[in-house]
Amino acid sequence: MSKKEFLSVLRESLEGYIPKDEVEKNIKYYRNYFDESGMPEKETLDELGEPRLIARTIIDAYKASKGPMADYYTEQARSEYSREHSGVYEEKDGEERKEAFAGRLVFLLAALIIVLAAILLLPLIVKALFFFILLALVFGFVRFLRDYFER
């Protein structure tokens, strides 16, 4: 495992369990620890141990520090994490909200136009299908008669 992998696993193990600012504080702490240890990366990794275990300890310590409010902060962290990783971001101001609404409105109008076009074109499509099926039956019947009388 490398320093980069260690920090990545630590981040993944913390996200969604403690607030983002706490995650960043801990990542910064361990990054500095690597930089300031004066030891080779491998020795520092051996000294620190498993990043998931460190993350579990950080999460437990954070919850203990919050006491009865721990569940509230954990839920807030999960909500923050899922917002960031689902592509849904909190809008910053009215302009962004208007742009998001306009984008949704354009999408809904396009969908409505497609549905209306399908409804209007459906009778034409059914008639065309009926015509081609009828045509195929006629040609099939003519071919059947031709084959029958040629024998």
Protein backbone atom coordinates (compact mmCIF):
# COMPACT_ATOMS: atom_id res chain seq x y z
CA MET A 1 0.00 0.00 0.00
CA SER A 2 1.22 3.51 -0.75
CA LYS A 3 0.61 6.82 1.01
CA LYS A 4 -1.89 7.74 -1.70
CA GLU A 5 -3.79 4.46 -1.29
CA PHE A 6 -3.72 4.81 2.51
CA LEU A 7 -5.24 8.29 2.36
CA SER A 8 -7.79 7.18 -0.23
CA VAL A 9 -8.96 4.21 1.88
CA LEU A 10 -9.06 6.41 4.97
CA ARG A 11 -11.19 9.01 3.14
CA GLU A 12 -13.58 6.39 1.77
CA SER A 13 -13.92 4.85 5.23
CA LEU A 14 -14.73 8.20 6.86
CA GLU A 15 -17.06 9.73 4.27
CA GLY A 16 -20.70 9.42 5.17
CA TYR A 17 -19.96 8.82 8.86
CA ILE A 18 -18.55 12.16 9.97
CA PRO A 19 -18.98 15.64 8.45
CA LYS A 20 -16.88 16.55 5.43
CA ASP A 21 -14.85 19.18 7.30
CA GLU A 22 -13.87 16.53 9.87
CA VAL A 23 -12.90 14.14 7.07
CA GLU A 24 -10.70 16.82 5.52
CA LYS A 25 -9.11 17.65 8.90
CA ASN A 26 -8.17 14.01 9.43
CA ILE A 27 -6.87 13.52 5.87
CA LYS A 28 -4.75 16.64 6.29
CA TYR A 29 -3.44 15.36 9.63
CA TYR A 30 -2.33 12.01 8.16
CA ARG A 31 -0.90 13.63 5.03
CA ASN A 32 1.20 15.90 7.28
CA TYR A 33 2.11 12.90 9.41
CA PHE A 34 3.60 11.19 6.34
CA ASP A 35 5.40 14.36 5.26
CA GLU A 36 6.85 15.16 8.69
CA SER A 37 7.65 11.66 9.98
CA GLY A 38 11.16 11.65 8.53
CA MET A 39 10.80 7.91 7.89
CA PRO A 40 10.44 6.11 4.57
CA GLU A 41 6.85 5.75 3.40
CA LYS A 42 6.83 1.98 4.02
CA GLU A 43 7.91 2.38 7.65
CA THR A 44 5.32 5.09 8.25
CA LEU A 45 2.64 2.83 6.78
CA ASP A 46 3.74 -0.04 9.02
CA GLU A 47 3.67 2.26 12.05
CA LEU A 48 0.18 3.59 11.30
CA GLY A 49 -1.44 0.27 10.48
CA GLU A 50 -4.74 -0.38 8.75
CA PRO A 51 -6.54 2.80 7.54
CA ARG A 52 -10.00 1.25 8.05
CA LEU A 53 -9.21 0.62 11.71
CA ILE A 54 -7.98 4.20 12.08
CA ALA A 55 -11.20 5.42 10.42
CA ARG A 56 -13.32 3.33 12.82
CA THR A 57 -11.45 4.85 15.75
CA ILE A 58 -11.92 8.39 14.38
CA ILE A 59 -15.66 7.77 13.84
CA ASP A 60 -16.12 6.33 17.34
CA ALA A 61 -14.18 9.21 18.91
CA TYR A 62 -16.23 11.74 16.94
CA LYS A 63 -19.50 10.14 18.04
CA ALA A 64 -18.32 10.01 21.65
CA SER A 65 -17.43 13.70 21.52
CA LYS A 66 -20.95 14.58 20.34
CA GLY A 67 -22.70 12.61 23.07
CA PRO A 68 -26.47 12.38 22.63
CA MET A 69 -26.28 14.41 19.40
CA ALA A 70 -24.02 11.83 17.70
CA ASP A 71 -26.85 10.31 15.64
CA TYR A 72 -27.87 13.74 14.39
CA TYR A 73 -24.33 14.54 13.20
CA THR A 74 -23.93 11.09 11.65
CA GLU A 75 -27.19 11.49 9.71
CA GLN A 76 -26.10 14.96 8.61
CA ALA A 77 -22.79 13.50 7.35
CA ARG A 78 -24.61 10.74 5.44
CA SER A 79 -26.92 13.27 3.86
CA GLU A 80 -23.97 15.48 2.89
CA TYR A 81 -22.11 12.49 1.42
CA SER A 82 -25.08 11.20 -0.59
CA ARG A 83 -25.80 14.69 -1.96
CA GLU A 84 -22.22 15.01 -3.19
CA HIS A 85 -22.09 11.53 -4.69
CA SER A 86 -25.49 11.42 -6.33
CA GLY A 87 -24.95 14.40 -8.64
CA VAL A 88 -27.50 16.47 -6.71
CA TYR A 89 -25.94 19.59 -5.29
CA GLU A 90 -27.48 22.25 -3.15
CA GLU A 91 -28.03 25.40 -5.16
CA LYS A 92 -26.03 28.42 -4.01
CA ASP A 93 -28.33 31.23 -5.09
CA GLY A 94 -31.49 32.16 -6.97
CA GLU A 95 -29.79 32.24 -10.39
CA GLU A 96 -28.65 28.63 -10.12
CA ARG A 97 -32.10 27.63 -8.93
CA LYS A 98 -33.65 29.38 -11.96
CA GLU A 99 -31.20 27.65 -14.32
CA ALA A 100 -31.96 24.27 -12.79
CA PHE A 101 -35.70 24.92 -13.09
CA ALA A 102 -35.30 26.05 -16.71
CA GLY A 103 -33.35 22.88 -17.50
CA ARG A 104 -36.06 20.70 -15.97
CA LEU A 105 -38.75 22.66 -17.79
CA VAL A 106 -37.02 22.19 -21.15
CA PHE A 107 -36.69 18.46 -20.45
CA LEU A 108 -40.37 18.15 -19.52
CA LEU A 109 -41.47 20.11 -22.61
CA ALA A 110 -39.33 17.92 -24.86
CA ALA A 111 -40.81 14.80 -23.25
CA LEU A 112 -44.33 16.19 -23.69
CA ILE A 113 -43.70 16.93 -27.38
CA ILE A 114 -42.37 13.40 -27.94
CA VAL A 115 -45.39 11.85 -26.21
CA LEU A 116 -47.83 14.02 -28.19
CA ALA A 117 -46.05 13.21 -31.46
CA ALA A 118 -46.23 9.51 -30.63
CA ILE A 119 -49.95 9.80 -29.85
CA LEU A 120 -50.63 11.69 -33.08
CA LEU A 121 -48.47 9.41 -35.20
CA LEU A 122 -49.72 6.18 -33.64
CA PRO A 123 -52.87 5.98 -35.82
CA LEU A 124 -50.74 6.56 -38.93
CA ILE A 125 -48.28 3.88 -37.84
CA VAL A 126 -51.12 1.43 -37.16
CA LYS A 127 -52.66 2.15 -40.57
CA ALA A 128 -49.29 1.70 -42.29
CA LEU A 129 -48.72 -1.59 -40.45
CA PHE A 130 -52.23 -2.77 -41.38
CA PHE A 131 -51.60 -1.82 -45.02
CA PHE A 132 -48.29 -3.70 -45.16
CA ILE A 133 -49.77 -6.77 -43.45
CA LEU A 134 -52.69 -6.72 -45.89
CA LEU A 135 -50.26 -6.31 -48.80
CA ALA A 136 -48.17 -9.23 -47.53
CA LEU A 137 -51.27 -11.40 -47.24
CA VAL A 138 -52.37 -10.53 -50.77
CA PHE A 139 -48.92 -11.27 -52.22
CA GLY A 140 -48.74 -14.47 -50.17
CA PHE A 141 -52.13 -15.57 -51.42
CA VAL A 142 -51.22 -14.76 -55.04
CA ARG A 143 -47.97 -16.72 -54.67
CA PHE A 144 -49.88 -19.62 -53.12
CA LEU A 145 -52.32 -19.66 -56.04
CA ARG A 146 -49.49 -19.43 -58.58
CA ASP A 147 -47.61 -22.31 -56.93
CA TYR A 148 -50.80 -24.36 -56.65
CA PHE A 149 -51.72 -24.03 -60.33
CA GLU A 150 -48.16 -24.60 -61.54
CA ARG A 151 -48.14 -28.11 -60.08
